[in-house]
Amino acid sequence: MRVDHVVYAAENDGARATAERLATQLGVAAVDGGVHPRFGTRNVILPLLGERYLEVVEVLDHPASDKAPFGQVVRARSECGGGWLGWVLAVDDITEQERRLGRQSVAGNRHRPDGVELRWKQLGIKGLQSDPQLPFFVEWDAGVPHPSSGGPTQVGLKSLEIAGDPDRVREWVGLDHDFVPEGIDFTFVSPKGTPGLMSVTFETPGGPVTL
């Protein structure tokens, strides 16, 4: 289990323009990701080091976006002006989380502009809907390229600031209460409003950048 990516809901001018602003601040090129036909969304990727990435996502005018929980949470966040939506953990076998949480994963796919199809299973969007501090889980299909491979980068994910309760997050993820993550720093602050991902700090060639 590892932090795979962070998700940013498009602002009022759409995913591409939002991604370009973030990419300029980080010094990395934004890469068109493609459409999620089952969720009624599409994304733009900012590749990061260590097989991680920043996903900027927007909802489409498509019936799937009204039915799929992922489309629903993206629409709700963008209608509030956009911003950080959540964070995602990659797992090797999502059936463990299915058993532990008593929920079924759903399949996802998208075609990159170069024709490569990415396929995965994801779980936990409804948890995110009800408690935005919680991550959701993804299992990438064997043999598909990781989204971070879409372009070169010298930018890494350094830390996450989350408004919420670390014990609640550990319980959801299935970790012991004394577990200490390695590689990425986590800071939890008491929520003054809705809990959730507040900011993300990246390590860039020019020094740390917090968005």
N, C-alpha and C. Protein backbone atom coordinates (compact mmCIF):
# COMPACT_ATOMS: atom_id res chain seq x y z
N MET A 1 0.85 -1.19 0.00
CA MET A 1 0.00 0.00 0.00
C MET A 1 0.89 1.24 0.00
N ARG A 2 0.58 2.18 -0.89
CA ARG A 2 1.39 3.39 -1.00
C ARG A 2 0.53 4.52 -1.54
N VAL A 3 0.94 5.75 -1.25
CA VAL A 3 0.24 6.89 -1.83
C VAL A 3 0.50 6.91 -3.33
N ASP A 4 -0.56 6.87 -4.12
CA ASP A 4 -0.45 6.78 -5.58
C ASP A 4 -0.60 8.13 -6.25
N HIS A 5 -1.65 8.87 -5.87
CA HIS A 5 -1.83 10.19 -6.46
C HIS A 5 -2.75 11.05 -5.59
N VAL A 6 -2.76 12.33 -5.91
CA VAL A 6 -3.66 13.28 -5.27
C VAL A 6 -4.57 13.86 -6.35
N VAL A 7 -5.80 14.19 -5.95
CA VAL A 7 -6.82 14.57 -6.93
C VAL A 7 -7.27 16.00 -6.68
N TYR A 8 -7.31 16.78 -7.75
CA TYR A 8 -7.71 18.19 -7.70
C TYR A 8 -8.88 18.39 -8.65
N ALA A 9 -10.00 18.86 -8.15
CA ALA A 9 -11.17 19.11 -8.99
C ALA A 9 -11.00 20.41 -9.77
N ALA A 10 -11.35 20.37 -11.03
CA ALA A 10 -11.17 21.52 -11.91
C ALA A 10 -11.89 22.75 -11.39
N GLU A 11 -11.27 23.89 -11.59
CA GLU A 11 -11.89 25.16 -11.27
C GLU A 11 -12.84 25.57 -12.39
N ASN A 12 -13.36 26.78 -12.34
CA ASN A 12 -14.46 27.16 -13.23
C ASN A 12 -14.09 27.14 -14.72
N ASP A 13 -12.81 27.27 -15.05
CA ASP A 13 -12.42 27.29 -16.46
C ASP A 13 -11.98 25.93 -16.97
N GLY A 14 -12.21 24.86 -16.23
CA GLY A 14 -11.98 23.53 -16.75
C GLY A 14 -10.65 22.91 -16.36
N ALA A 15 -10.56 21.60 -16.64
CA ALA A 15 -9.40 20.83 -16.19
C ALA A 15 -8.10 21.27 -16.85
N ARG A 16 -8.14 21.55 -18.14
CA ARG A 16 -6.90 21.88 -18.83
C ARG A 16 -6.31 23.19 -18.30
N ALA A 17 -7.13 24.23 -18.21
CA ALA A 17 -6.64 25.51 -17.71
C ALA A 17 -6.18 25.41 -16.26
N THR A 18 -6.94 24.68 -15.44
CA THR A 18 -6.56 24.49 -14.05
C THR A 18 -5.22 23.76 -13.96
N ALA A 19 -5.07 22.69 -14.74
CA ALA A 19 -3.83 21.92 -14.72
C ALA A 19 -2.64 22.76 -15.17
N GLU A 20 -2.84 23.60 -16.15
CA GLU A 20 -1.73 24.44 -16.64
C GLU A 20 -1.26 25.41 -15.55
N ARG A 21 -2.20 25.95 -14.77
CA ARG A 21 -1.80 26.84 -13.68
C ARG A 21 -0.97 26.10 -12.64
N LEU A 22 -1.45 24.92 -12.25
CA LEU A 22 -0.72 24.13 -11.27
C LEU A 22 0.63 23.69 -11.82
N ALA A 23 0.65 23.30 -13.09
CA ALA A 23 1.89 22.84 -13.70
C ALA A 23 2.94 23.95 -13.75
N THR A 24 2.50 25.17 -14.00
CA THR A 24 3.42 26.31 -14.03
C THR A 24 4.04 26.53 -12.65
N GLN A 25 3.24 26.39 -11.61
CA GLN A 25 3.77 26.57 -10.26
C GLN A 25 4.76 25.48 -9.88
N LEU A 26 4.56 24.28 -10.41
CA LEU A 26 5.43 23.16 -10.05
C LEU A 26 6.60 22.99 -11.01
N GLY A 27 6.50 23.55 -12.20
CA GLY A 27 7.56 23.37 -13.18
C GLY A 27 7.53 22.01 -13.84
N VAL A 28 6.33 21.53 -14.15
CA VAL A 28 6.16 20.24 -14.80
C VAL A 28 5.13 20.39 -15.90
N ALA A 29 5.25 19.60 -16.96
CA ALA A 29 4.32 19.69 -18.08
C ALA A 29 3.07 18.87 -17.80
N ALA A 30 1.91 19.47 -18.06
CA ALA A 30 0.63 18.76 -17.92
C ALA A 30 0.41 17.86 -19.13
N VAL A 31 -0.18 16.69 -18.89
CA VAL A 31 -0.40 15.69 -19.93
C VAL A 31 -1.88 15.34 -19.98
N ASP A 32 -2.50 15.44 -21.16
CA ASP A 32 -3.90 15.04 -21.30
C ASP A 32 -4.05 13.57 -20.94
N GLY A 33 -5.05 13.28 -20.09
CA GLY A 33 -5.22 11.91 -19.63
C GLY A 33 -6.27 11.12 -20.38
N GLY A 34 -7.39 11.74 -20.70
CA GLY A 34 -8.46 11.05 -21.39
C GLY A 34 -9.73 11.01 -20.57
N VAL A 35 -10.73 10.34 -21.13
CA VAL A 35 -12.08 10.28 -20.56
C VAL A 35 -12.26 9.00 -19.77
N HIS A 36 -12.94 9.12 -18.60
CA HIS A 36 -13.37 7.95 -17.82
C HIS A 36 -14.83 7.67 -18.21
N PRO A 37 -15.08 6.80 -19.16
CA PRO A 37 -16.46 6.64 -19.66
C PRO A 37 -17.44 6.13 -18.61
N ARG A 38 -16.96 5.35 -17.64
CA ARG A 38 -17.87 4.80 -16.64
C ARG A 38 -18.22 5.81 -15.55
N PHE A 39 -17.42 6.86 -15.43
CA PHE A 39 -17.62 7.83 -14.36
C PHE A 39 -18.10 9.19 -14.86
N GLY A 40 -18.08 9.40 -16.19
CA GLY A 40 -18.49 10.68 -16.73
C GLY A 40 -17.54 11.81 -16.40
N THR A 41 -16.24 11.51 -16.39
CA THR A 41 -15.21 12.51 -16.07
C THR A 41 -14.05 12.37 -17.04
N ARG A 42 -13.17 13.34 -17.02
CA ARG A 42 -11.90 13.24 -17.74
C ARG A 42 -10.83 13.95 -16.93
N ASN A 43 -9.57 13.66 -17.24
CA ASN A 43 -8.51 14.22 -16.42
C ASN A 43 -7.31 14.70 -17.22
N VAL A 44 -6.50 15.47 -16.52
CA VAL A 44 -5.18 15.91 -16.99
C VAL A 44 -4.19 15.51 -15.90
N ILE A 45 -3.05 14.97 -16.30
CA ILE A 45 -2.08 14.41 -15.37
C ILE A 45 -0.85 15.30 -15.27
N LEU A 46 -0.38 15.50 -14.04
CA LEU A 46 0.92 16.11 -13.79
C LEU A 46 1.81 15.02 -13.21
N PRO A 47 2.72 14.45 -14.01
CA PRO A 47 3.54 13.34 -13.54
C PRO A 47 4.48 13.77 -12.41
N LEU A 48 4.67 12.86 -11.44
CA LEU A 48 5.58 13.09 -10.33
C LEU A 48 6.56 11.92 -10.23
N LEU A 49 7.61 12.13 -9.48
CA LEU A 49 8.60 11.08 -9.26
C LEU A 49 8.00 9.94 -8.43
N GLY A 50 8.63 8.77 -8.51
CA GLY A 50 8.25 7.65 -7.67
C GLY A 50 6.92 7.02 -8.03
N GLU A 51 6.54 7.05 -9.31
CA GLU A 51 5.26 6.50 -9.76
C GLU A 51 4.10 7.12 -8.98
N ARG A 52 4.08 8.44 -8.96
CA ARG A 52 2.98 9.19 -8.37
C ARG A 52 2.58 10.29 -9.35
N TYR A 53 1.42 10.89 -9.12
CA TYR A 53 1.00 11.96 -10.00
C TYR A 53 -0.08 12.80 -9.34
N LEU A 54 -0.26 13.99 -9.89
CA LEU A 54 -1.35 14.89 -9.51
C LEU A 54 -2.39 14.79 -10.63
N GLU A 55 -3.60 14.45 -10.27
CA GLU A 55 -4.69 14.33 -11.24
C GLU A 55 -5.61 15.53 -11.11
N VAL A 56 -5.80 16.24 -12.22
CA VAL A 56 -6.80 17.30 -12.28
C VAL A 56 -7.98 16.73 -13.07
N VAL A 57 -9.16 16.73 -12.47
CA VAL A 57 -10.29 16.03 -13.06
C VAL A 57 -11.49 16.97 -13.18
N GLU A 58 -12.27 16.76 -14.23
CA GLU A 58 -13.49 17.54 -14.42
C GLU A 58 -14.62 16.61 -14.81
N VAL A 59 -15.83 17.05 -14.52
CA VAL A 59 -17.01 16.27 -14.84
C VAL A 59 -17.48 16.63 -16.25
N LEU A 60 -18.06 15.64 -16.93
CA LEU A 60 -18.58 15.85 -18.28
C LEU A 60 -20.10 15.96 -18.24
N ASP A 61 -20.65 16.53 -19.29
CA ASP A 61 -22.10 16.56 -19.44
C ASP A 61 -22.52 15.20 -20.00
N HIS A 62 -22.59 14.22 -19.12
CA HIS A 62 -22.81 12.83 -19.52
C HIS A 62 -23.63 12.14 -18.42
N PRO A 63 -24.58 11.27 -18.79
CA PRO A 63 -25.41 10.61 -17.77
C PRO A 63 -24.61 9.86 -16.71
N ALA A 64 -23.44 9.33 -17.09
CA ALA A 64 -22.64 8.57 -16.13
C ALA A 64 -22.21 9.43 -14.96
N SER A 65 -22.01 10.72 -15.20
CA SER A 65 -21.53 11.60 -14.12
C SER A 65 -22.60 11.81 -13.05
N ASP A 66 -23.87 11.60 -13.40
CA ASP A 66 -24.94 11.73 -12.41
C ASP A 66 -25.13 10.45 -11.60
N LYS A 67 -24.73 9.31 -12.18
CA LYS A 67 -24.95 8.01 -11.54
C LYS A 67 -23.73 7.55 -10.74
N ALA A 68 -22.54 7.79 -11.27
CA ALA A 68 -21.33 7.29 -10.64
C ALA A 68 -20.93 8.16 -9.45
N PRO A 69 -20.63 7.57 -8.30
CA PRO A 69 -20.20 8.38 -7.16
C PRO A 69 -19.00 9.26 -7.46
N PHE A 70 -18.05 8.78 -8.26
CA PHE A 70 -16.88 9.61 -8.56
C PHE A 70 -17.30 10.86 -9.33
N GLY A 71 -18.17 10.70 -10.32
CA GLY A 71 -18.67 11.86 -11.04
C GLY A 71 -19.41 12.81 -10.13
N GLN A 72 -20.14 12.27 -9.18
CA GLN A 72 -20.89 13.11 -8.24
C GLN A 72 -19.97 13.96 -7.37
N VAL A 73 -18.90 13.34 -6.84
CA VAL A 73 -18.01 14.11 -5.95
C VAL A 73 -17.21 15.15 -6.73
N VAL A 74 -16.84 14.82 -7.98
CA VAL A 74 -16.12 15.80 -8.80
C VAL A 74 -17.03 16.98 -9.11
N ARG A 75 -18.26 16.70 -9.51
CA ARG A 75 -19.19 17.78 -9.82
C ARG A 75 -19.41 18.69 -8.61
N ALA A 76 -19.63 18.08 -7.45
CA ALA A 76 -19.89 18.87 -6.24
C ALA A 76 -18.71 19.77 -5.90
N ARG A 77 -17.49 19.25 -6.02
CA ARG A 77 -16.31 20.05 -5.66
C ARG A 77 -16.09 21.16 -6.68
N SER A 78 -16.25 20.87 -7.95
CA SER A 78 -16.05 21.89 -8.98
C SER A 78 -17.11 22.98 -8.89
N GLU A 79 -18.33 22.60 -8.55
CA GLU A 79 -19.39 23.61 -8.43
C GLU A 79 -19.14 24.55 -7.27
N CYS A 80 -18.29 24.13 -6.32
CA CYS A 80 -17.89 25.00 -5.21
C CYS A 80 -16.62 25.78 -5.53
N GLY A 81 -16.18 25.74 -6.78
CA GLY A 81 -15.00 26.49 -7.19
C GLY A 81 -13.78 25.66 -7.46
N GLY A 82 -13.87 24.34 -7.22
CA GLY A 82 -12.74 23.45 -7.46
C GLY A 82 -11.78 23.43 -6.28
N GLY A 83 -10.72 22.64 -6.43
CA GLY A 83 -9.72 22.53 -5.38
C GLY A 83 -9.43 21.07 -5.05
N TRP A 84 -8.71 20.87 -3.96
CA TRP A 84 -8.32 19.51 -3.59
C TRP A 84 -9.54 18.65 -3.29
N LEU A 85 -9.56 17.48 -3.92
CA LEU A 85 -10.68 16.56 -3.76
C LEU A 85 -10.33 15.39 -2.85
N GLY A 86 -9.10 14.89 -2.94
CA GLY A 86 -8.75 13.76 -2.10
C GLY A 86 -7.40 13.17 -2.45
N TRP A 87 -7.10 12.05 -1.81
CA TRP A 87 -5.84 11.36 -2.04
C TRP A 87 -6.12 9.88 -2.17
N VAL A 88 -5.19 9.17 -2.84
CA VAL A 88 -5.48 7.82 -3.30
C VAL A 88 -4.32 6.89 -2.94
N LEU A 89 -4.67 5.70 -2.43
CA LEU A 89 -3.69 4.68 -2.09
C LEU A 89 -3.73 3.57 -3.12
N ALA A 90 -2.58 3.16 -3.63
CA ALA A 90 -2.48 2.02 -4.53
C ALA A 90 -2.23 0.76 -3.73
N VAL A 91 -2.94 -0.31 -4.07
CA VAL A 91 -2.78 -1.61 -3.41
C VAL A 91 -2.54 -2.67 -4.48
N ASP A 92 -1.88 -3.75 -4.08
CA ASP A 92 -1.61 -4.84 -5.02
C ASP A 92 -2.83 -5.73 -5.23
N ASP A 93 -3.66 -5.86 -4.20
CA ASP A 93 -4.83 -6.73 -4.28
C ASP A 93 -5.98 -6.07 -3.53
N ILE A 94 -6.92 -5.52 -4.27
CA ILE A 94 -7.98 -4.72 -3.65
C ILE A 94 -9.02 -5.60 -2.95
N THR A 95 -8.96 -6.92 -3.17
CA THR A 95 -9.93 -7.79 -2.51
C THR A 95 -9.78 -7.73 -0.98
N GLU A 96 -8.58 -7.44 -0.50
CA GLU A 96 -8.39 -7.30 0.95
C GLU A 96 -9.22 -6.16 1.50
N GLN A 97 -9.22 -5.02 0.77
CA GLN A 97 -10.03 -3.88 1.21
C GLN A 97 -11.52 -4.17 1.04
N GLU A 98 -11.87 -4.92 0.00
CA GLU A 98 -13.27 -5.30 -0.18
C GLU A 98 -13.78 -6.11 1.01
N ARG A 99 -12.98 -7.07 1.45
CA ARG A 99 -13.39 -7.89 2.59
C ARG A 99 -13.45 -7.06 3.87
N ARG A 100 -12.43 -6.23 4.06
CA ARG A 100 -12.34 -5.48 5.32
C ARG A 100 -13.45 -4.44 5.44
N LEU A 101 -13.76 -3.75 4.34
CA LEU A 101 -14.76 -2.69 4.37
C LEU A 101 -16.16 -3.17 4.02
N GLY A 102 -16.27 -4.40 3.53
CA GLY A 102 -17.57 -4.93 3.17
C GLY A 102 -18.18 -4.23 1.96
N ARG A 103 -17.32 -3.84 1.02
CA ARG A 103 -17.79 -3.15 -0.18
C ARG A 103 -17.13 -3.76 -1.40
N GLN A 104 -17.75 -3.57 -2.56
CA GLN A 104 -17.20 -4.08 -3.82
C GLN A 104 -16.51 -2.95 -4.57
N SER A 105 -15.38 -3.26 -5.16
CA SER A 105 -14.69 -2.29 -6.01
C SER A 105 -15.43 -2.17 -7.34
N VAL A 106 -15.13 -1.10 -8.07
CA VAL A 106 -15.69 -0.91 -9.40
C VAL A 106 -14.55 -0.77 -10.39
N ALA A 107 -14.79 -1.21 -11.60
CA ALA A 107 -13.76 -1.15 -12.63
C ALA A 107 -13.76 0.23 -13.28
N GLY A 108 -12.57 0.69 -13.64
CA GLY A 108 -12.42 1.95 -14.36
C GLY A 108 -11.47 1.78 -15.52
N ASN A 109 -11.60 2.65 -16.51
CA ASN A 109 -10.67 2.62 -17.64
C ASN A 109 -10.68 3.97 -18.33
N ARG A 110 -9.63 4.25 -19.03
CA ARG A 110 -9.57 5.43 -19.90
C ARG A 110 -8.53 5.18 -20.97
N HIS A 111 -8.72 5.81 -22.11
CA HIS A 111 -7.74 5.75 -23.20
C HIS A 111 -6.97 7.07 -23.23
N ARG A 112 -5.65 6.97 -23.15
CA ARG A 112 -4.84 8.17 -23.31
C ARG A 112 -4.92 8.63 -24.76
N PRO A 113 -4.58 9.89 -25.03
CA PRO A 113 -4.61 10.37 -26.42
C PRO A 113 -3.75 9.55 -27.38
N ASP A 114 -2.71 8.87 -26.86
CA ASP A 114 -1.88 8.04 -27.73
C ASP A 114 -2.47 6.66 -27.97
N GLY A 115 -3.69 6.41 -27.45
CA GLY A 115 -4.37 5.16 -27.69
C GLY A 115 -4.17 4.10 -26.63
N VAL A 116 -3.23 4.30 -25.70
CA VAL A 116 -2.99 3.33 -24.64
C VAL A 116 -4.17 3.32 -23.67
N GLU A 117 -4.67 2.14 -23.36
CA GLU A 117 -5.77 2.02 -22.41
C GLU A 117 -5.23 1.71 -21.02
N LEU A 118 -5.66 2.49 -20.03
CA LEU A 118 -5.35 2.22 -18.63
C LEU A 118 -6.59 1.60 -17.98
N ARG A 119 -6.36 0.56 -17.16
CA ARG A 119 -7.47 -0.14 -16.51
C ARG A 119 -7.14 -0.31 -15.03
N TRP A 120 -8.17 -0.23 -14.19
CA TRP A 120 -7.96 -0.35 -12.77
C TRP A 120 -9.27 -0.71 -12.07
N LYS A 121 -9.16 -1.01 -10.79
CA LYS A 121 -10.32 -1.14 -9.91
C LYS A 121 -10.17 -0.10 -8.80
N GLN A 122 -11.27 0.48 -8.38
CA GLN A 122 -11.21 1.46 -7.30
C GLN A 122 -12.31 1.20 -6.28
N LEU A 123 -12.03 1.65 -5.07
CA LEU A 123 -12.92 1.38 -3.94
C LEU A 123 -12.81 2.52 -2.94
N GLY A 124 -13.95 2.95 -2.41
CA GLY A 124 -13.92 3.93 -1.33
C GLY A 124 -14.43 5.31 -1.69
N ILE A 125 -14.99 5.49 -2.88
CA ILE A 125 -15.49 6.82 -3.25
C ILE A 125 -16.66 7.22 -2.35
N LYS A 126 -17.51 6.27 -1.99
CA LYS A 126 -18.62 6.63 -1.11
C LYS A 126 -18.11 7.02 0.28
N GLY A 127 -16.99 6.42 0.71
CA GLY A 127 -16.37 6.86 1.96
C GLY A 127 -15.90 8.30 1.85
N LEU A 128 -15.30 8.64 0.72
CA LEU A 128 -14.87 10.01 0.47
C LEU A 128 -16.06 10.97 0.46
N GLN A 129 -17.17 10.53 -0.14
CA GLN A 129 -18.37 11.37 -0.17
C GLN A 129 -18.84 11.72 1.23
N SER A 130 -18.84 10.75 2.11
CA SER A 130 -19.38 10.98 3.44
C SER A 130 -18.36 11.58 4.40
N ASP A 131 -17.07 11.38 4.13
CA ASP A 131 -16.01 11.86 5.03
C ASP A 131 -14.78 12.18 4.18
N PRO A 132 -14.66 13.41 3.67
CA PRO A 132 -13.64 13.75 2.67
C PRO A 132 -12.19 13.64 3.14
N GLN A 133 -11.94 13.39 4.43
CA GLN A 133 -10.56 13.18 4.86
C GLN A 133 -10.04 11.80 4.43
N LEU A 134 -10.95 10.87 4.10
CA LEU A 134 -10.57 9.49 3.82
C LEU A 134 -10.06 9.32 2.40
N PRO A 135 -8.99 8.54 2.24
CA PRO A 135 -8.52 8.23 0.88
C PRO A 135 -9.40 7.16 0.25
N PHE A 136 -9.29 7.02 -1.07
CA PHE A 136 -9.85 5.83 -1.69
C PHE A 136 -8.71 4.99 -2.26
N PHE A 137 -9.06 3.77 -2.68
CA PHE A 137 -8.06 2.78 -3.05
C PHE A 137 -8.14 2.48 -4.55
N VAL A 138 -6.98 2.16 -5.13
CA VAL A 138 -6.93 1.78 -6.54
C VAL A 138 -5.98 0.60 -6.70
N GLU A 139 -6.38 -0.33 -7.54
CA GLU A 139 -5.50 -1.42 -7.97
C GLU A 139 -5.36 -1.34 -9.48
N TRP A 140 -4.16 -1.05 -9.94
CA TRP A 140 -3.90 -0.97 -11.38
C TRP A 140 -3.80 -2.37 -11.96
N ASP A 141 -4.39 -2.57 -13.14
CA ASP A 141 -4.27 -3.86 -13.80
C ASP A 141 -2.82 -4.15 -14.14
N ALA A 142 -2.42 -5.40 -13.99
CA ALA A 142 -1.06 -5.81 -14.33
C ALA A 142 -0.81 -5.57 -15.81
N GLY A 143 0.35 -5.03 -16.10
CA GLY A 143 0.73 -4.84 -17.50
C GLY A 143 0.39 -3.48 -18.08
N VAL A 144 -0.40 -2.66 -17.37
CA VAL A 144 -0.70 -1.33 -17.90
C VAL A 144 0.32 -0.34 -17.36
N PRO A 145 0.68 0.67 -18.15
CA PRO A 145 1.64 1.66 -17.65
C PRO A 145 1.03 2.51 -16.56
N HIS A 146 1.86 2.92 -15.61
CA HIS A 146 1.37 3.82 -14.58
C HIS A 146 1.16 5.21 -15.18
N PRO A 147 0.12 5.95 -14.76
CA PRO A 147 -0.11 7.28 -15.33
C PRO A 147 1.06 8.23 -15.24
N SER A 148 1.93 8.05 -14.25
CA SER A 148 3.08 8.96 -14.12
C SER A 148 4.06 8.79 -15.26
N SER A 149 3.93 7.71 -16.05
CA SER A 149 4.86 7.48 -17.16
C SER A 149 4.53 8.33 -18.37
N GLY A 150 3.49 9.16 -18.28
CA GLY A 150 3.06 9.94 -19.43
C GLY A 150 3.96 11.10 -19.81
N GLY A 151 4.92 11.46 -18.96
CA GLY A 151 5.81 12.57 -19.28
C GLY A 151 6.94 12.67 -18.28
N PRO A 152 8.01 13.38 -18.63
CA PRO A 152 9.16 13.52 -17.72
C PRO A 152 8.83 14.45 -16.56
N THR A 153 9.53 14.27 -15.46
CA THR A 153 9.30 15.12 -14.29
C THR A 153 10.52 15.12 -13.39
N GLN A 154 10.68 16.21 -12.66
CA GLN A 154 11.69 16.30 -11.60
C GLN A 154 11.03 16.72 -10.29
N VAL A 155 9.72 16.52 -10.21
CA VAL A 155 8.94 16.98 -9.07
C VAL A 155 8.44 15.77 -8.29
N GLY A 156 8.56 15.83 -6.96
CA GLY A 156 8.10 14.73 -6.11
C GLY A 156 7.06 15.18 -5.11
N LEU A 157 6.29 14.24 -4.62
CA LEU A 157 5.29 14.50 -3.59
C LEU A 157 5.98 14.47 -2.23
N LYS A 158 5.84 15.54 -1.46
CA LYS A 158 6.57 15.67 -0.20
C LYS A 158 5.67 15.47 1.02
N SER A 159 4.51 16.13 1.07
CA SER A 159 3.68 16.04 2.27
C SER A 159 2.23 16.41 1.97
N LEU A 160 1.34 15.91 2.84
CA LEU A 160 -0.09 16.20 2.76
C LEU A 160 -0.54 16.82 4.07
N GLU A 161 -1.36 17.86 3.97
CA GLU A 161 -2.00 18.43 5.16
C GLU A 161 -3.49 18.11 5.08
N ILE A 162 -4.00 17.44 6.10
CA ILE A 162 -5.37 16.95 6.10
C ILE A 162 -6.10 17.48 7.32
N ALA A 163 -7.27 18.05 7.09
CA ALA A 163 -8.14 18.43 8.20
C ALA A 163 -8.95 17.20 8.58
N GLY A 164 -8.66 16.67 9.76
CA GLY A 164 -9.36 15.46 10.16
C GLY A 164 -8.70 14.76 11.32
N ASP A 165 -9.01 13.51 11.47
CA ASP A 165 -8.60 12.70 12.62
C ASP A 165 -7.70 11.57 12.13
N PRO A 166 -6.41 11.57 12.51
CA PRO A 166 -5.52 10.50 12.03
C PRO A 166 -5.96 9.11 12.44
N ASP A 167 -6.58 8.98 13.62
CA ASP A 167 -7.06 7.66 14.05
C ASP A 167 -8.18 7.16 13.14
N ARG A 168 -9.05 8.07 12.73
CA ARG A 168 -10.13 7.69 11.81
C ARG A 168 -9.56 7.23 10.48
N VAL A 169 -8.53 7.93 9.99
CA VAL A 169 -7.91 7.56 8.72
C VAL A 169 -7.21 6.21 8.84
N ARG A 170 -6.48 6.00 9.93
CA ARG A 170 -5.79 4.71 10.12
C ARG A 170 -6.80 3.56 10.18
N GLU A 171 -7.92 3.78 10.85
CA GLU A 171 -8.95 2.76 10.93
C GLU A 171 -9.50 2.42 9.55
N TRP A 172 -9.76 3.44 8.75
CA TRP A 172 -10.30 3.25 7.40
C TRP A 172 -9.30 2.51 6.51
N VAL A 173 -8.03 2.87 6.64
CA VAL A 173 -6.99 2.28 5.80
C VAL A 173 -6.63 0.87 6.28
N GLY A 174 -6.85 0.61 7.58
CA GLY A 174 -6.53 -0.70 8.13
C GLY A 174 -5.14 -0.79 8.70
N LEU A 175 -4.64 0.31 9.28
CA LEU A 175 -3.30 0.37 9.84
C LEU A 175 -3.36 0.40 11.36
N ASP A 176 -2.31 -0.11 11.97
CA ASP A 176 -2.19 0.01 13.42
C ASP A 176 -2.08 1.47 13.82
N HIS A 177 -2.51 1.80 15.02
CA HIS A 177 -2.52 3.20 15.46
C HIS A 177 -1.12 3.75 15.67
N ASP A 178 -0.12 2.86 15.78
CA ASP A 178 1.25 3.35 15.94
C ASP A 178 2.03 3.32 14.63
N PHE A 179 1.33 3.09 13.51
CA PHE A 179 1.99 3.06 12.21
C PHE A 179 2.51 4.45 11.85
N VAL A 180 3.75 4.51 11.36
CA VAL A 180 4.36 5.77 10.93
C VAL A 180 4.68 5.65 9.44
N PRO A 181 4.08 6.48 8.59
CA PRO A 181 4.34 6.39 7.15
C PRO A 181 5.76 6.82 6.81
N GLU A 182 6.30 6.23 5.75
CA GLU A 182 7.63 6.58 5.28
C GLU A 182 7.55 7.21 3.91
N GLY A 183 8.39 8.18 3.66
CA GLY A 183 8.49 8.76 2.33
C GLY A 183 7.66 10.01 2.14
N ILE A 184 6.48 10.09 2.75
CA ILE A 184 5.61 11.26 2.64
C ILE A 184 5.18 11.65 4.05
N ASP A 185 5.26 12.93 4.34
CA ASP A 185 4.85 13.43 5.66
C ASP A 185 3.35 13.74 5.66
N PHE A 186 2.69 13.43 6.78
CA PHE A 186 1.28 13.73 6.96
C PHE A 186 1.13 14.67 8.15
N THR A 187 0.39 15.75 7.95
CA THR A 187 0.05 16.66 9.03
C THR A 187 -1.46 16.72 9.14
N PHE A 188 -1.98 16.42 10.33
CA PHE A 188 -3.41 16.50 10.56
C PHE A 188 -3.73 17.72 11.41
N VAL A 189 -4.74 18.47 11.01
CA VAL A 189 -5.18 19.64 11.75
C VAL A 189 -6.66 19.47 12.06
N SER A 190 -7.10 20.09 13.13
CA SER A 190 -8.52 20.01 13.49
C SER A 190 -9.35 20.76 12.46
N PRO A 191 -10.36 20.11 11.90
CA PRO A 191 -11.17 20.79 10.88
C PRO A 191 -12.01 21.91 11.48
N LYS A 192 -11.99 23.07 10.84
CA LYS A 192 -12.85 24.18 11.24
C LYS A 192 -14.16 24.17 10.47
N GLY A 193 -14.20 23.33 9.46
CA GLY A 193 -15.41 23.15 8.66
C GLY A 193 -15.44 21.71 8.20
N THR A 194 -15.60 21.50 6.89
CA THR A 194 -15.61 20.16 6.34
C THR A 194 -14.21 19.57 6.36
N PRO A 195 -14.04 18.33 6.84
CA PRO A 195 -12.71 17.71 6.81
C PRO A 195 -12.29 17.41 5.38
N GLY A 196 -10.99 17.17 5.20
CA GLY A 196 -10.52 16.82 3.87
C GLY A 196 -9.09 17.25 3.64
N LEU A 197 -8.61 17.00 2.43
CA LEU A 197 -7.25 17.38 2.04
C LEU A 197 -7.18 18.89 1.88
N MET A 198 -6.31 19.53 2.66
CA MET A 198 -6.23 20.98 2.68
C MET A 198 -5.15 21.52 1.74
N SER A 199 -3.97 20.90 1.77
CA SER A 199 -2.87 21.35 0.93
C SER A 199 -1.91 20.20 0.69
N VAL A 200 -1.12 20.35 -0.37
CA VAL A 200 -0.11 19.35 -0.73
C VAL A 200 1.19 20.09 -1.02
N THR A 201 2.28 19.58 -0.47
CA THR A 201 3.59 20.17 -0.71
C THR A 201 4.40 19.25 -1.62
N PHE A 202 5.05 19.85 -2.61
CA PHE A 202 5.82 19.13 -3.59
C PHE A 202 7.29 19.57 -3.48
N GLU A 203 8.19 18.65 -3.75
CA GLU A 203 9.62 18.98 -3.82
C GLU A 203 9.97 19.20 -5.27
N THR A 204 10.41 20.42 -5.59
CA THR A 204 10.75 20.78 -6.95
C THR A 204 12.23 21.18 -7.03
N PRO A 205 12.80 21.25 -8.22
CA PRO A 205 14.20 21.69 -8.34
C PRO A 205 14.45 23.06 -7.75
N GLY A 206 13.41 23.90 -7.65
CA GLY A 206 13.56 25.21 -7.06
C GLY A 206 13.22 25.27 -5.58
N GLY A 207 12.92 24.13 -4.98
CA GLY A 207 12.56 24.08 -3.57
C GLY A 207 11.12 23.66 -3.38
N PRO A 208 10.66 23.54 -2.12
CA PRO A 208 9.29 23.09 -1.85
C PRO A 208 8.25 24.07 -2.37
N VAL A 209 7.16 23.55 -2.91
CA VAL A 209 6.02 24.35 -3.35
C VAL A 209 4.77 23.76 -2.75
N THR A 210 3.98 24.59 -2.08
CA THR A 210 2.73 24.13 -1.47
C THR A 210 1.54 24.66 -2.24
N LEU A 211 0.64 23.78 -2.60
CA LEU A 211 -0.58 24.16 -3.33
C LEU A 211 -1.78 23.86 -2.44
